[in-house]
Protein backbone atom coordinates (compact mmCIF):
# COMPACT_ATOMS: atom_id res chain seq x y z
CA MET A 1 -30.69 -14.03 4.42
CA ASN A 2 -28.34 -11.05 4.14
CA ASN A 3 -25.06 -12.43 5.45
CA LYS A 4 -21.55 -11.23 4.68
CA PHE A 5 -20.60 -14.49 2.94
CA ASP A 6 -22.52 -16.81 0.65
CA ILE A 7 -20.56 -19.88 1.80
CA CYS A 8 -18.06 -20.77 4.50
CA PHE A 9 -15.83 -23.57 3.20
CA ILE A 10 -14.34 -25.90 5.83
CA GLY A 11 -11.52 -28.29 4.95
CA ASN A 12 -7.90 -29.30 5.08
CA ALA A 13 -5.47 -26.42 4.51
CA ILE A 14 -3.11 -28.14 2.10
CA VAL A 15 -0.35 -26.96 -0.18
CA ASP A 16 -0.54 -28.74 -3.54
CA ILE A 17 2.72 -29.86 -5.10
CA LEU A 18 2.02 -30.99 -8.66
CA SER A 19 4.33 -32.80 -11.03
CA LYS A 20 4.20 -34.91 -14.15
CA ILE A 21 5.52 -38.46 -13.72
CA THR A 22 6.06 -41.55 -15.86
CA PHE A 23 4.16 -44.78 -15.32
CA GLU A 24 7.48 -46.48 -14.57
CA LYS A 25 8.47 -44.08 -11.81
CA LEU A 26 4.99 -44.27 -10.28
CA ASP A 27 5.33 -48.07 -10.13
CA LYS A 28 8.83 -47.80 -8.67
CA LEU A 29 7.46 -45.64 -5.84
CA LYS A 30 4.66 -48.22 -5.35
CA ILE A 31 1.95 -45.58 -5.62
CA PRO A 32 -1.52 -46.80 -6.72
CA LYS A 33 -2.43 -44.92 -9.90
CA GLY A 34 -5.54 -42.79 -9.62
CA SER A 35 -5.90 -43.09 -5.86
CA MET A 36 -5.64 -40.80 -2.88
CA GLN A 37 -3.44 -42.18 -0.11
CA LEU A 38 -2.27 -40.77 3.19
CA VAL A 39 1.52 -40.74 3.60
CA ASN A 40 3.86 -40.02 6.48
CA GLU A 41 6.55 -37.36 6.44
CA GLU A 42 9.24 -39.86 5.40
CA LEU A 43 7.37 -41.07 2.32
CA ALA A 44 6.37 -37.52 1.40
CA ASP A 45 10.04 -36.51 1.40
CA LYS A 46 10.94 -39.59 -0.68
CA ILE A 47 8.38 -38.69 -3.33
CA LEU A 48 9.55 -35.08 -3.42
CA ASN A 49 13.09 -36.29 -4.01
CA ASN A 50 11.89 -38.20 -7.09
CA ILE A 51 10.15 -35.37 -8.92
CA LYS A 52 11.48 -32.36 -10.78
CA ASN A 53 10.22 -28.81 -11.29
CA PRO A 54 6.90 -29.16 -9.46
CA SER A 55 4.21 -26.49 -9.41
CA ILE A 56 3.45 -25.33 -5.84
CA ILE A 57 0.18 -23.63 -4.89
CA SER A 58 -2.22 -23.55 -1.96
CA GLY A 59 -4.80 -26.30 -2.31
CA GLY A 60 -7.08 -28.69 -0.52
CA SER A 61 -10.45 -29.82 -1.87
CA ALA A 62 -12.70 -27.30 -0.08
CA ALA A 63 -10.21 -24.48 -0.66
CA ASN A 64 -10.15 -25.29 -4.39
CA THR A 65 -13.95 -25.13 -4.49
CA ALA A 66 -13.86 -21.84 -2.59
CA VAL A 67 -11.44 -20.30 -5.11
CA GLY A 68 -13.63 -21.47 -7.99
CA PHE A 69 -16.74 -20.09 -6.32
CA GLN A 70 -15.00 -16.74 -5.76
CA SER A 71 -13.90 -16.72 -9.40
CA PHE A 72 -17.53 -17.01 -10.49
CA GLY A 73 -18.33 -13.93 -8.42
CA GLY A 74 -19.43 -15.50 -5.15
CA LYS A 75 -18.43 -14.26 -1.70
CA CYS A 76 -16.87 -16.84 0.57
CA CYS A 77 -14.48 -17.59 3.41
CA PHE A 78 -12.44 -20.58 4.50
CA ILE A 79 -11.72 -22.32 7.80
CA GLY A 80 -8.73 -24.65 8.10
CA GLN A 81 -5.58 -25.35 10.10
CA ILE A 82 -2.11 -24.34 8.87
CA GLY A 83 1.30 -25.00 10.41
CA ASN A 84 3.94 -22.52 11.48
CA ASP A 85 6.22 -22.84 8.46
CA GLN A 86 6.86 -21.40 5.00
CA PHE A 87 4.11 -23.53 3.45
CA GLY A 88 1.64 -22.16 6.00
CA GLU A 89 2.57 -18.62 5.01
CA LEU A 90 2.24 -19.57 1.34
CA PHE A 91 -1.25 -21.00 1.91
CA TYR A 92 -2.41 -17.95 3.88
CA LYS A 93 -1.18 -15.39 1.36
CA ASP A 94 -2.18 -17.35 -1.74
CA LEU A 95 -5.76 -18.01 -0.60
CA ASN A 96 -6.39 -14.42 0.45
CA ASN A 97 -4.91 -13.18 -2.83
CA THR A 98 -7.65 -15.07 -4.69
CA GLY A 99 -10.30 -13.11 -2.78
CA VAL A 100 -11.27 -15.94 -0.42
CA PHE A 101 -11.20 -14.64 3.16
CA PHE A 102 -8.95 -16.77 5.39
CA GLU A 103 -7.79 -15.55 8.79
CA ASP A 104 -5.04 -17.16 10.80
CA LEU A 105 -6.39 -17.25 14.35
CA ASP A 106 -2.80 -17.01 15.64
CA TYR A 107 -2.62 -20.48 17.10
CA LYS A 108 -0.41 -21.94 14.41
CA ILE A 109 1.07 -25.19 15.61
CA SER A 110 4.47 -26.79 15.40
CA GLU A 111 3.47 -29.50 12.90
CA LYS A 112 4.36 -28.88 9.27
CA THR A 113 1.62 -27.54 7.01
CA SER A 114 -0.22 -30.30 5.18
CA LYS A 115 0.77 -31.04 1.60
CA SER A 116 -0.68 -33.06 -1.24
CA ILE A 117 1.82 -34.34 -3.77
CA VAL A 118 -0.18 -34.82 -6.96
CA LEU A 119 1.54 -36.96 -9.57
CA VAL A 120 0.08 -36.72 -13.07
CA THR A 121 0.73 -39.59 -15.48
CA PRO A 122 0.67 -39.23 -19.31
CA ASP A 123 -3.00 -40.34 -19.40
CA ALA A 124 -3.89 -37.23 -17.31
CA GLU A 125 -4.81 -39.39 -14.31
CA ARG A 126 -3.69 -38.01 -10.97
CA SER A 127 -2.40 -39.94 -7.97
CA MET A 128 -2.65 -37.97 -4.73
CA ASN A 129 -0.27 -38.52 -1.83
CA THR A 130 -1.38 -36.51 1.17
CA PHE A 131 0.68 -35.69 4.24
CA LEU A 132 -1.87 -34.33 6.71
CA GLY A 133 0.54 -32.68 9.13
CA ALA A 134 -1.09 -29.65 10.74
CA SER A 135 -4.53 -30.60 9.38
CA ASN A 136 -4.48 -33.50 11.83
CA LYS A 137 -4.82 -30.88 14.57
CA PHE A 138 -8.04 -29.34 13.24
CA ASN A 139 -10.39 -29.18 16.23
CA ILE A 140 -13.16 -27.12 17.80
CA ASN A 141 -10.67 -24.34 18.59
CA SER A 142 -9.97 -24.04 14.86
CA VAL A 143 -13.56 -22.97 14.21
CA ASP A 144 -14.30 -19.27 13.83
CA GLU A 145 -17.95 -19.11 14.91
CA LEU A 146 -18.36 -15.60 13.49
CA LEU A 147 -17.53 -16.80 9.97
CA ILE A 148 -20.17 -19.52 10.17
CA SER A 149 -22.83 -17.18 11.59
CA SER A 150 -21.99 -14.73 8.78
CA SER A 151 -22.53 -17.30 6.01
CA ASN A 152 -25.67 -18.56 4.26
CA MET A 153 -24.16 -22.03 3.84
CA ILE A 154 -21.29 -24.12 5.14
CA TYR A 155 -19.49 -26.60 2.90
CA ILE A 156 -17.69 -29.52 4.55
CA GLU A 157 -14.88 -31.48 2.94
CA GLY A 158 -15.19 -35.21 3.62
CA TYR A 159 -11.43 -35.60 3.99
CA LEU A 160 -11.70 -33.91 7.40
CA PHE A 161 -13.10 -37.13 8.83
CA ASP A 162 -9.63 -38.67 8.60
CA HIS A 163 -8.70 -37.11 11.96
CA ALA A 164 -10.70 -37.76 15.12
CA GLU A 165 -10.76 -34.31 16.74
CA ALA A 166 -12.05 -32.82 13.51
CA LYS A 167 -15.30 -34.78 13.80
CA GLU A 168 -16.21 -32.89 16.97
CA ALA A 169 -15.44 -29.65 15.16
CA ILE A 170 -17.59 -30.67 12.19
CA TYR A 171 -20.60 -31.33 14.39
CA LYS A 172 -20.04 -27.98 16.08
CA CYS A 173 -20.04 -26.28 12.67
CA CYS A 174 -23.22 -28.09 11.63
CA ASN A 175 -25.04 -27.15 14.82
CA LEU A 176 -23.97 -23.52 14.46
CA ALA A 177 -25.23 -23.53 10.87
CA LYS A 178 -28.60 -24.97 11.84
CA VAL A 179 -29.04 -22.41 14.64
CA ASN A 180 -28.30 -19.75 12.02
CA ASN A 181 -30.77 -21.34 9.52
CA SER A 182 -27.88 -21.88 7.11
CA LYS A 183 -27.63 -24.77 4.66
CA VAL A 184 -25.09 -27.57 5.17
CA ALA A 185 -23.30 -29.02 2.12
CA LEU A 186 -21.05 -32.08 2.18
CA SER A 187 -18.57 -33.40 -0.36
CA LEU A 188 -17.81 -37.11 0.02
CA SER A 189 -14.33 -36.26 -1.35
CA ASP A 190 -12.90 -39.68 -2.25
CA LEU A 191 -13.87 -43.35 -2.65
CA PHE A 192 -11.39 -44.51 -0.02
CA CYS A 193 -12.55 -41.75 2.32
CA VAL A 194 -16.11 -43.11 2.04
CA ASP A 195 -14.86 -46.64 2.72
CA ARG A 196 -13.14 -45.44 5.88
CA HIS A 197 -15.97 -43.31 7.23
CA ARG A 198 -19.20 -44.70 5.80
CA SER A 199 -21.11 -44.75 9.08
CA ASP A 200 -19.99 -41.22 9.99
CA PHE A 201 -21.11 -39.89 6.62
CA LEU A 202 -24.48 -41.62 6.81
CA TYR A 203 -25.06 -40.15 10.28
CA LEU A 204 -24.04 -36.64 9.18
CA ILE A 205 -26.27 -36.82 6.10
CA ASP A 206 -29.22 -38.03 8.14
CA LYS A 207 -28.90 -35.34 10.81
CA TYR A 208 -27.55 -32.25 9.05
CA VAL A 209 -26.82 -32.33 5.32
CA ASP A 210 -28.98 -30.35 2.84
CA VAL A 211 -26.72 -30.50 -0.24
CA ILE A 212 -24.54 -33.46 -1.28
CA PHE A 213 -21.67 -33.78 -3.78
CA ALA A 214 -20.26 -37.16 -4.85
CA ASN A 215 -18.97 -38.99 -7.86
CA GLU A 216 -20.36 -42.30 -9.10
CA ASN A 217 -17.97 -44.54 -7.16
CA GLU A 218 -18.36 -42.56 -3.94
CA ILE A 219 -22.17 -42.66 -3.88
CA LYS A 220 -22.20 -46.39 -4.69
CA SER A 221 -19.71 -47.03 -1.90
CA LEU A 222 -21.77 -44.97 0.54
CA TYR A 223 -24.82 -47.19 0.16
CA GLN A 224 -23.04 -50.30 -1.19
CA LEU A 225 -25.62 -50.47 -3.95
CA ASP A 226 -25.71 -49.84 -7.70
CA LEU A 227 -25.87 -46.28 -9.06
CA LYS A 228 -29.64 -46.12 -9.54
CA ALA A 229 -30.46 -47.44 -6.07
CA SER A 230 -27.81 -45.23 -4.45
CA ILE A 231 -29.18 -42.09 -6.08
CA ASN A 232 -32.71 -43.07 -5.04
CA ASN A 233 -31.46 -43.34 -1.46
CA ILE A 234 -29.66 -40.01 -1.37
CA GLU A 235 -32.61 -38.24 -3.01
CA ASN A 236 -34.72 -39.23 -0.03
CA GLN A 237 -32.21 -37.85 2.47
CA VAL A 238 -31.13 -34.43 1.17
CA GLU A 239 -32.79 -31.47 -0.52
CA VAL A 240 -30.31 -31.04 -3.37
CA GLY A 241 -27.47 -33.09 -4.82
CA ALA A 242 -25.06 -33.69 -7.65
CA VAL A 243 -23.41 -36.97 -8.67
CA THR A 244 -20.66 -36.57 -11.25
CA LEU A 245 -20.16 -39.36 -13.79
CA GLY A 246 -16.85 -38.39 -15.40
CA SER A 247 -17.07 -38.52 -19.21
CA LYS A 248 -20.78 -39.41 -18.90
CA GLY A 249 -21.71 -36.04 -17.41
CA ALA A 250 -23.60 -35.71 -14.13
CA ILE A 251 -26.91 -36.30 -12.42
CA VAL A 252 -28.37 -33.41 -10.43
CA PHE A 253 -31.56 -33.35 -8.42
CA ASN A 254 -33.78 -31.56 -5.96
CA LYS A 255 -37.08 -32.52 -4.33
CA GLU A 256 -38.99 -31.74 -7.53
CA ALA A 257 -36.98 -33.42 -10.27
CA LYS A 258 -33.81 -35.20 -11.39
CA TYR A 259 -31.78 -34.36 -14.50
CA HIS A 260 -28.96 -35.97 -16.47
CA ILE A 261 -26.48 -33.28 -17.51
CA ASP A 262 -24.54 -34.00 -20.68
CA PRO A 263 -20.75 -33.75 -20.48
CA VAL A 264 -18.91 -30.78 -21.92
CA SER A 265 -16.40 -31.97 -24.52
CA THR A 266 -12.84 -30.69 -24.47
CA GLU A 267 -10.04 -31.27 -26.94
CA LYS A 268 -7.29 -30.89 -24.37
CA LEU A 269 -7.26 -33.28 -21.40
CA VAL A 270 -4.20 -32.58 -19.26
CA ASP A 271 -4.99 -33.20 -15.59
CA THR A 272 -8.20 -34.33 -13.85
CA THR A 273 -7.08 -32.86 -10.49
CA GLY A 274 -9.82 -30.65 -9.09
CA ALA A 275 -12.51 -31.55 -11.63
CA GLY A 276 -14.95 -32.48 -8.86
CA ASP A 277 -13.96 -29.47 -6.77
CA LEU A 278 -14.63 -27.07 -9.63
CA PHE A 279 -17.87 -28.81 -10.58
CA ALA A 280 -19.03 -28.03 -7.03
CA SER A 281 -17.93 -24.38 -7.48
CA GLY A 282 -20.11 -23.90 -10.53
CA PHE A 283 -23.05 -25.83 -9.15
CA LEU A 284 -22.98 -23.89 -5.88
CA PHE A 285 -22.75 -20.54 -7.65
CA GLY A 286 -25.89 -21.45 -9.58
CA PHE A 287 -27.63 -22.75 -6.47
CA ILE A 288 -26.85 -19.66 -4.37
CA ASN A 289 -28.22 -17.50 -7.20
CA LYS A 290 -31.39 -19.61 -7.47
CA TYR A 291 -30.69 -20.95 -10.98
CA SER A 292 -32.55 -24.04 -12.19
CA MET A 293 -31.08 -27.45 -11.33
CA GLU A 294 -30.23 -28.02 -14.98
CA LYS A 295 -28.37 -24.72 -15.23
CA CYS A 296 -26.50 -25.44 -11.99
CA GLY A 297 -25.38 -28.76 -13.47
CA TYR A 298 -24.27 -27.25 -16.76
CA ILE A 299 -22.26 -24.52 -15.02
CA GLY A 300 -20.60 -27.22 -12.90
CA ASN A 301 -19.72 -29.30 -15.95
CA ASN A 302 -18.30 -26.27 -17.75
CA ALA A 303 -16.11 -25.42 -14.76
CA ALA A 304 -14.86 -29.01 -14.57
CA SER A 305 -14.10 -29.09 -18.31
CA GLU A 306 -12.11 -25.87 -17.96
CA ILE A 307 -9.91 -27.06 -15.08
CA ILE A 308 -8.89 -30.37 -16.72
CA GLN A 309 -7.19 -28.51 -19.55
CA TYR A 310 -4.13 -27.62 -17.45
CA ILE A 311 -2.10 -28.79 -14.48
CA GLY A 312 -3.56 -27.96 -11.09
CA ALA A 313 -6.92 -27.33 -9.45
CA ARG A 314 -7.07 -23.55 -9.63
CA PRO A 315 -8.65 -21.71 -12.59
CA LYS A 316 -6.36 -19.68 -14.82
CA ILE A 317 -9.24 -17.56 -16.13
CA SER A 318 -12.11 -15.72 -14.48
CA LEU A 319 -14.86 -18.32 -14.35
CA LYS A 320 -17.40 -15.54 -14.90
CA SER A 321 -16.42 -15.85 -18.57
CA ILE A 322 -17.97 -19.33 -18.87
CA LEU A 323 -21.35 -18.20 -17.54
């Protein structure tokens, strides 16, 4: 297929606000360490008032994966909903500056642009506090059909299921992809996201999904079984998949075989934000270029090991260099 884009990434358009924080201050704010929680505007402002010198950059899980994929040399675009504010402008300019095509369809809404306040404790664990804002308004009118028809694959961020109108848009995207003979990839995104939307995910996987991304806890939650049984289940439902295991590496598979991919050691662990997103970047770059499953897994692990060496979920080097 000779389309303009390899992949169209679809997800929440979020500005990441990253800051280091002590264990004590995290407890004082009553934020569960290592989790992703949705917060309202009031709590988001309270957290922002308790941090100093944050790093601010456009983010969102699917957008992070898109930037990583572009950094490897892939061609991709992004679909998401921004608000009509300074953070929306920041997201638009920052994403396009990375080489990922993102077009504002000129229906920016009054809600504030979504933001994820990522608090990193001294053990490099990140606690994500997400104010959805404008992303809550993602709907079928947010979908640029031309971008999907111009892409060999669509990649859906599981976090989108947290808002009702987005589900209709997701099914529209999947149907457009299937009409276009494009692959559909899904990231389960987060353990708590799976807990909230298990039945929706199972339906989407059964009807549309060709490629799945999950970590160990997410896949076990999806099927409510142990790791081995869960992987056996997902192998029977999709063509290709990757289950990341943190410091234990990853398991990747297709219809022919399954492989355990050894972890890539790193001396400098700073921030685990975006490790899964960047793993998907590397894996997808290998998959699009018809690399072996093992090589796809190793590229993914190398991308993840690179991103955890500094604050944030965007690569500071050209990821072509780790190929």
